[in-house]
Amino acid sequence: MEEDDVTIREQNFHSQVREYIICFLLFAVLYIVSYCIITRYKRKSDDHEDEDAVVNRISLYLCTFTLAVSGGAVFLLPFSIISNEILLSFPRNYYIQWLNGSLIHGLWNLVSLFSNLCLFVLMPFAYFFLESEGFAGSKKGIKARILETFVMLFLLALLILGIVWVASALIDNDAASMESLYDLWEFYLPYLYSCISLMGGLLLLMCTPVGMSRMFTVMGQLLVKPTILEDLDEQIYCIHLQEEALQRRLNGMSVGDVLARYRQG
């Protein structure tokens, strides 16, 4: 009985280690791809190791981490569907048994955790850290910028909490709702998360049509002009000109005489 318990614990240990290694490798690939994309379109800066360069490098790492998490969130659903289809197609294959439900659930939990971390912490920190210069009268440096960034994040959190609290109190102004607003962990934070998700969905609905129209405009500029949209009169004129030039050449006239005749006409 004890040997069976040891075997089960060993299997669970090895499966957890395998899942951690797979998650790390997938995230490493996404991070490298995200870093290449950001550095491809990022504005080139000076190579001097000054304070601004360090701040830009830290913000670059945070933005790269956020883009990698976003890429993982985008590819997680297709990855789940494809892995499920592979397991159903080859149920007895030993080499693909690592694509199990435990790995998929672990990936979903990690993506959810890091998405919230990037949305509420890393991206606001990167923005305020780039814009910070330190408080007036304090000693300049990285520590002063970090202190100013944390103060700005704290004030922003208080502002968002206050706005959502006042809005919810105005919409539903009864005793039960007012008491539930004071329950921070059970009611207020999920309600705040729902409000932020709603604002993100509305922003997505507003920006998507603009992006789609811009995409079709750019593609129309890059693609070759269709034949049906070409100027037929211009083509007919060029054909008549070539035909007249050939006839004049056969009759002993030069091309210059033909062009001069058309210019006069």
Protein backbone atom coordinates (compact mmCIF):
# COMPACT_ATOMS: atom_id res chain seq x y z
CA MET A 1 0.00 0.00 0.00
CA GLU A 2 2.83 2.35 0.87
CA GLU A 3 4.59 1.51 -2.40
CA ASP A 4 1.44 2.43 -4.31
CA ASP A 5 1.26 5.77 -2.47
CA VAL A 6 4.92 6.46 -3.29
CA THR A 7 4.30 5.60 -6.94
CA ILE A 8 1.29 7.93 -7.13
CA ARG A 9 3.25 10.76 -5.52
CA GLU A 10 6.12 10.22 -7.94
CA GLN A 11 3.77 10.29 -10.90
CA ASN A 12 2.15 13.49 -9.67
CA PHE A 13 5.57 15.04 -9.07
CA HIS A 14 6.84 14.14 -12.54
CA SER A 15 3.63 15.33 -14.20
CA GLN A 16 3.82 18.69 -12.40
CA VAL A 17 7.49 19.12 -13.34
CA ARG A 18 6.66 18.25 -16.95
CA GLU A 19 3.84 20.79 -17.02
CA TYR A 20 6.06 23.50 -15.56
CA ILE A 21 8.76 22.81 -18.15
CA ILE A 22 6.23 22.88 -21.02
CA CYS A 23 4.70 26.13 -19.76
CA PHE A 24 8.14 27.68 -19.41
CA LEU A 25 9.18 26.65 -22.92
CA LEU A 26 5.94 27.95 -24.46
CA PHE A 27 6.27 31.25 -22.63
CA ALA A 28 9.94 31.53 -23.61
CA VAL A 29 9.02 31.14 -27.29
CA LEU A 30 6.25 33.74 -26.98
CA TYR A 31 8.58 36.11 -25.15
CA ILE A 32 11.28 35.85 -27.81
CA VAL A 33 8.77 36.42 -30.61
CA SER A 34 7.24 39.38 -28.73
CA TYR A 35 10.67 40.90 -28.14
CA CYS A 36 11.52 40.63 -31.84
CA ILE A 37 8.22 42.27 -32.80
CA ILE A 38 8.60 45.16 -30.36
CA THR A 39 12.24 45.84 -31.23
CA ARG A 40 11.30 45.73 -34.93
CA TYR A 41 8.87 48.63 -34.58
CA LYS A 42 10.41 50.44 -31.61
CA ARG A 43 12.09 53.74 -32.20
CA LYS A 44 15.86 53.47 -32.05
CA SER A 45 17.40 55.15 -29.02
CA ASP A 46 20.93 56.09 -28.07
CA ASP A 47 23.29 53.47 -26.70
CA HIS A 48 24.38 55.60 -23.75
CA GLU A 49 23.82 53.91 -20.40
CA ASP A 50 22.06 56.82 -18.73
CA GLU A 51 18.99 56.93 -16.53
CA ASP A 52 16.53 57.21 -19.41
CA ALA A 53 18.06 54.21 -21.14
CA VAL A 54 17.58 52.06 -18.04
CA VAL A 55 13.96 53.21 -17.71
CA ASN A 56 13.29 52.48 -21.38
CA ARG A 57 14.83 49.04 -21.05
CA ILE A 58 12.70 48.15 -18.01
CA SER A 59 9.55 49.37 -19.75
CA LEU A 60 10.53 47.37 -22.84
CA TYR A 61 10.80 44.19 -20.76
CA LEU A 62 7.42 44.83 -19.14
CA CYS A 63 5.76 45.51 -22.50
CA THR A 64 7.37 42.39 -23.96
CA PHE A 65 6.05 40.33 -21.05
CA THR A 66 2.56 41.77 -21.58
CA LEU A 67 2.64 41.06 -25.31
CA ALA A 68 3.77 37.48 -24.63
CA VAL A 69 0.88 36.97 -22.20
CA SER A 70 -1.53 38.47 -24.73
CA GLY A 71 -0.22 36.11 -27.40
CA GLY A 72 -0.66 33.19 -25.04
CA ALA A 73 -4.25 34.25 -24.35
CA VAL A 74 -4.95 34.46 -28.10
CA PHE A 75 -3.42 31.09 -28.97
CA LEU A 76 -4.70 29.24 -25.91
CA LEU A 77 -8.13 28.40 -27.32
CA PRO A 78 -6.80 27.05 -30.67
CA PHE A 79 -4.12 25.16 -28.75
CA SER A 80 -6.78 23.58 -26.51
CA ILE A 81 -8.92 22.56 -29.50
CA ILE A 82 -5.98 21.14 -31.48
CA SER A 83 -4.60 19.23 -28.48
CA ASN A 84 -8.03 17.73 -27.80
CA GLU A 85 -8.37 16.63 -31.42
CA ILE A 86 -4.89 15.07 -31.34
CA LEU A 87 -5.71 13.13 -28.18
CA LEU A 88 -8.96 11.90 -29.70
CA SER A 89 -7.21 10.86 -32.91
CA PHE A 90 -4.31 9.09 -31.17
CA PRO A 91 -5.60 7.96 -27.77
CA ARG A 92 -2.95 5.28 -27.22
CA ASN A 93 0.13 7.15 -28.43
CA TYR A 94 2.63 7.46 -25.58
CA TYR A 95 4.45 10.51 -26.96
CA ILE A 96 1.45 12.85 -26.94
CA GLN A 97 -0.01 11.98 -23.56
CA TRP A 98 1.49 15.17 -22.14
CA LEU A 99 -1.32 17.06 -23.96
CA ASN A 100 -3.72 16.22 -21.14
CA GLY A 101 -6.43 18.15 -19.36
CA SER A 102 -4.18 19.04 -16.45
CA LEU A 103 -1.79 20.91 -18.74
CA ILE A 104 -4.63 22.81 -20.44
CA HIS A 105 -6.19 23.79 -17.10
CA GLY A 106 -2.79 24.90 -15.83
CA LEU A 107 -2.25 27.05 -18.92
CA TRP A 108 -5.69 28.63 -18.53
CA ASN A 109 -4.99 29.45 -14.88
CA LEU A 110 -1.59 30.94 -15.65
CA VAL A 111 -2.93 33.03 -18.54
CA SER A 112 -5.77 34.34 -16.37
CA LEU A 113 -3.40 35.22 -13.53
CA PHE A 114 -0.80 36.95 -15.70
CA SER A 115 -3.46 38.74 -17.76
CA ASN A 116 -4.83 40.39 -14.64
CA LEU A 117 -1.31 41.16 -13.47
CA CYS A 118 -0.42 42.82 -16.79
CA LEU A 119 -3.71 44.72 -17.04
CA PHE A 120 -3.80 46.14 -13.54
CA VAL A 121 -0.11 46.34 -12.56
CA LEU A 122 2.53 45.98 -15.25
CA MET A 123 1.14 48.16 -18.03
CA PRO A 124 0.14 51.09 -15.76
CA PHE A 125 3.52 50.80 -14.05
CA ALA A 126 5.36 50.86 -17.40
CA TYR A 127 3.43 53.94 -18.55
CA PHE A 128 3.88 55.95 -15.36
CA PHE A 129 7.49 54.80 -15.06
CA LEU A 130 8.27 56.21 -18.51
CA GLU A 131 6.54 59.49 -17.71
CA SER A 132 8.00 59.90 -14.22
CA GLU A 133 10.83 62.28 -13.41
CA GLY A 134 10.84 62.19 -9.62
CA PHE A 135 9.17 64.54 -7.17
CA ALA A 136 10.28 68.15 -7.05
CA GLY A 137 13.03 68.66 -4.49
CA SER A 138 13.95 64.97 -4.27
CA LYS A 139 17.17 63.43 -5.47
CA LYS A 140 17.00 62.36 -9.10
CA GLY A 141 17.47 58.73 -9.96
CA ILE A 142 15.74 55.41 -10.57
CA LYS A 143 14.50 55.17 -6.96
CA ALA A 144 12.81 58.58 -7.21
CA ARG A 145 11.08 57.53 -10.40
CA ILE A 146 9.93 54.24 -8.88
CA LEU A 147 8.56 56.09 -5.83
CA GLU A 148 6.64 58.52 -8.02
CA THR A 149 5.30 55.63 -10.11
CA PHE A 150 3.96 53.77 -7.06
CA VAL A 151 2.36 56.95 -5.73
CA MET A 152 0.66 57.55 -9.08
CA LEU A 153 -0.57 53.96 -9.18
CA PHE A 154 -1.97 54.29 -5.67
CA LEU A 155 -3.78 57.50 -6.55
CA LEU A 156 -5.11 55.95 -9.77
CA ALA A 157 -6.42 52.94 -7.83
CA LEU A 158 -8.17 55.24 -5.35
CA LEU A 159 -9.67 57.24 -8.22
CA ILE A 160 -11.04 54.15 -9.99
CA LEU A 161 -12.38 52.69 -6.74
CA GLY A 162 -14.08 55.97 -5.89
CA ILE A 163 -15.64 56.42 -9.34
CA VAL A 164 -17.04 52.88 -9.42
CA TRP A 165 -18.28 53.13 -5.82
CA VAL A 166 -20.10 56.41 -6.47
CA ALA A 167 -21.57 55.12 -9.75
CA SER A 168 -22.84 51.92 -8.15
CA ALA A 169 -24.27 53.87 -5.20
CA LEU A 170 -26.13 56.24 -7.53
CA ILE A 171 -27.54 53.46 -9.70
CA ASP A 172 -28.75 51.18 -6.91
CA ASN A 173 -29.37 53.32 -3.84
CA ASP A 174 -30.92 50.96 -1.31
CA ALA A 175 -29.76 49.70 2.06
CA ALA A 176 -28.76 46.21 0.91
CA SER A 177 -26.70 47.51 -2.00
CA MET A 178 -24.98 50.10 0.17
CA GLU A 179 -24.00 47.43 2.67
CA SER A 180 -22.72 45.13 -0.07
CA LEU A 181 -20.43 47.90 -1.34
CA TYR A 182 -18.48 47.76 1.90
CA ASP A 183 -17.75 44.07 1.31
CA LEU A 184 -14.49 44.59 -0.54
CA TRP A 185 -13.39 41.06 -1.40
CA GLU A 186 -16.71 39.29 -1.92
CA PHE A 187 -18.63 41.92 -3.88
CA TYR A 188 -16.77 45.12 -4.65
CA LEU A 189 -13.64 43.79 -6.39
CA PRO A 190 -15.59 41.40 -8.69
CA TYR A 191 -17.95 44.27 -9.46
CA LEU A 192 -14.98 46.53 -10.26
CA TYR A 193 -13.47 43.85 -12.47
CA SER A 194 -16.77 43.52 -14.35
CA CYS A 195 -16.90 47.28 -14.91
CA ILE A 196 -13.34 47.36 -16.25
CA SER A 197 -14.10 44.39 -18.52
CA LEU A 198 -17.19 46.22 -19.79
CA MET A 199 -15.13 49.33 -20.60
CA GLY A 200 -12.59 47.16 -22.40
CA GLY A 201 -15.32 45.49 -24.44
CA LEU A 202 -16.82 48.85 -25.40
CA LEU A 203 -13.38 50.14 -26.39
CA LEU A 204 -12.85 47.03 -28.52
CA LEU A 205 -16.20 47.54 -30.26
CA MET A 206 -15.31 51.17 -30.97
CA CYS A 207 -11.79 50.50 -32.29
CA THR A 208 -12.45 47.35 -34.31
CA PRO A 209 -14.48 49.00 -37.15
CA VAL A 210 -11.85 51.73 -37.50
CA GLY A 211 -9.10 49.15 -37.72
CA MET A 212 -11.02 47.05 -40.21
CA SER A 213 -11.67 50.03 -42.50
CA ARG A 214 -8.01 51.05 -42.26
CA MET A 215 -6.95 47.50 -43.10
CA PHE A 216 -9.06 47.44 -46.26
CA THR A 217 -7.70 50.86 -47.25
CA VAL A 218 -4.09 49.72 -46.88
CA MET A 219 -4.75 46.46 -48.71
CA GLY A 220 -6.43 48.37 -51.55
CA GLN A 221 -3.30 50.50 -51.90
CA LEU A 222 -0.96 47.51 -51.86
CA LEU A 223 -2.88 45.24 -54.22
CA VAL A 224 -2.66 45.53 -58.00
CA LYS A 225 -5.48 47.52 -59.57
CA PRO A 226 -8.08 45.13 -61.07
CA THR A 227 -8.55 45.06 -64.81
CA ILE A 228 -12.23 45.98 -64.58
CA LEU A 229 -11.31 49.30 -62.95
CA GLU A 230 -8.77 50.36 -65.57
CA ASP A 231 -9.42 53.28 -67.94
CA LEU A 232 -10.67 51.71 -71.18
CA ASP A 233 -10.60 54.97 -73.16
CA GLU A 234 -6.91 55.37 -72.43
CA GLN A 235 -6.24 51.81 -73.57
CA ILE A 236 -8.23 52.33 -76.78
CA TYR A 237 -6.34 55.56 -77.48
CA CYS A 238 -2.98 53.78 -77.00
CA ILE A 239 -4.05 50.94 -79.29
CA HIS A 240 -5.15 53.39 -82.03
CA LEU A 241 -1.86 55.26 -81.64
CA GLN A 242 0.14 52.06 -82.02
CA GLU A 243 -1.93 51.02 -85.03
CA GLU A 244 -1.48 54.42 -86.71
CA ALA A 245 2.25 54.29 -86.01
CA LEU A 246 2.54 50.89 -87.64
CA GLN A 247 0.56 52.02 -90.67
CA ARG A 248 2.69 55.17 -91.09
CA ARG A 249 5.84 53.15 -90.72
CA LEU A 250 4.68 50.81 -93.42
CA ASN A 251 3.93 53.80 -95.64
CA GLY A 252 7.38 55.29 -95.07
CA MET A 253 6.61 57.83 -92.36
CA SER A 254 8.54 57.99 -89.13
CA VAL A 255 7.17 57.74 -85.63
CA GLY A 256 8.08 61.40 -85.00
CA ASP A 257 5.76 62.50 -87.78
CA VAL A 258 2.95 60.45 -86.25
CA LEU A 259 3.48 61.99 -82.82
CA ALA A 260 3.64 65.49 -84.30
CA ARG A 261 0.37 64.86 -86.11
CA TYR A 262 -1.34 63.74 -82.92
CA ARG A 263 -0.01 66.74 -81.02
CA GLN A 264 -1.35 69.07 -83.63
CA GLY A 265 -4.69 67.32 -83.62
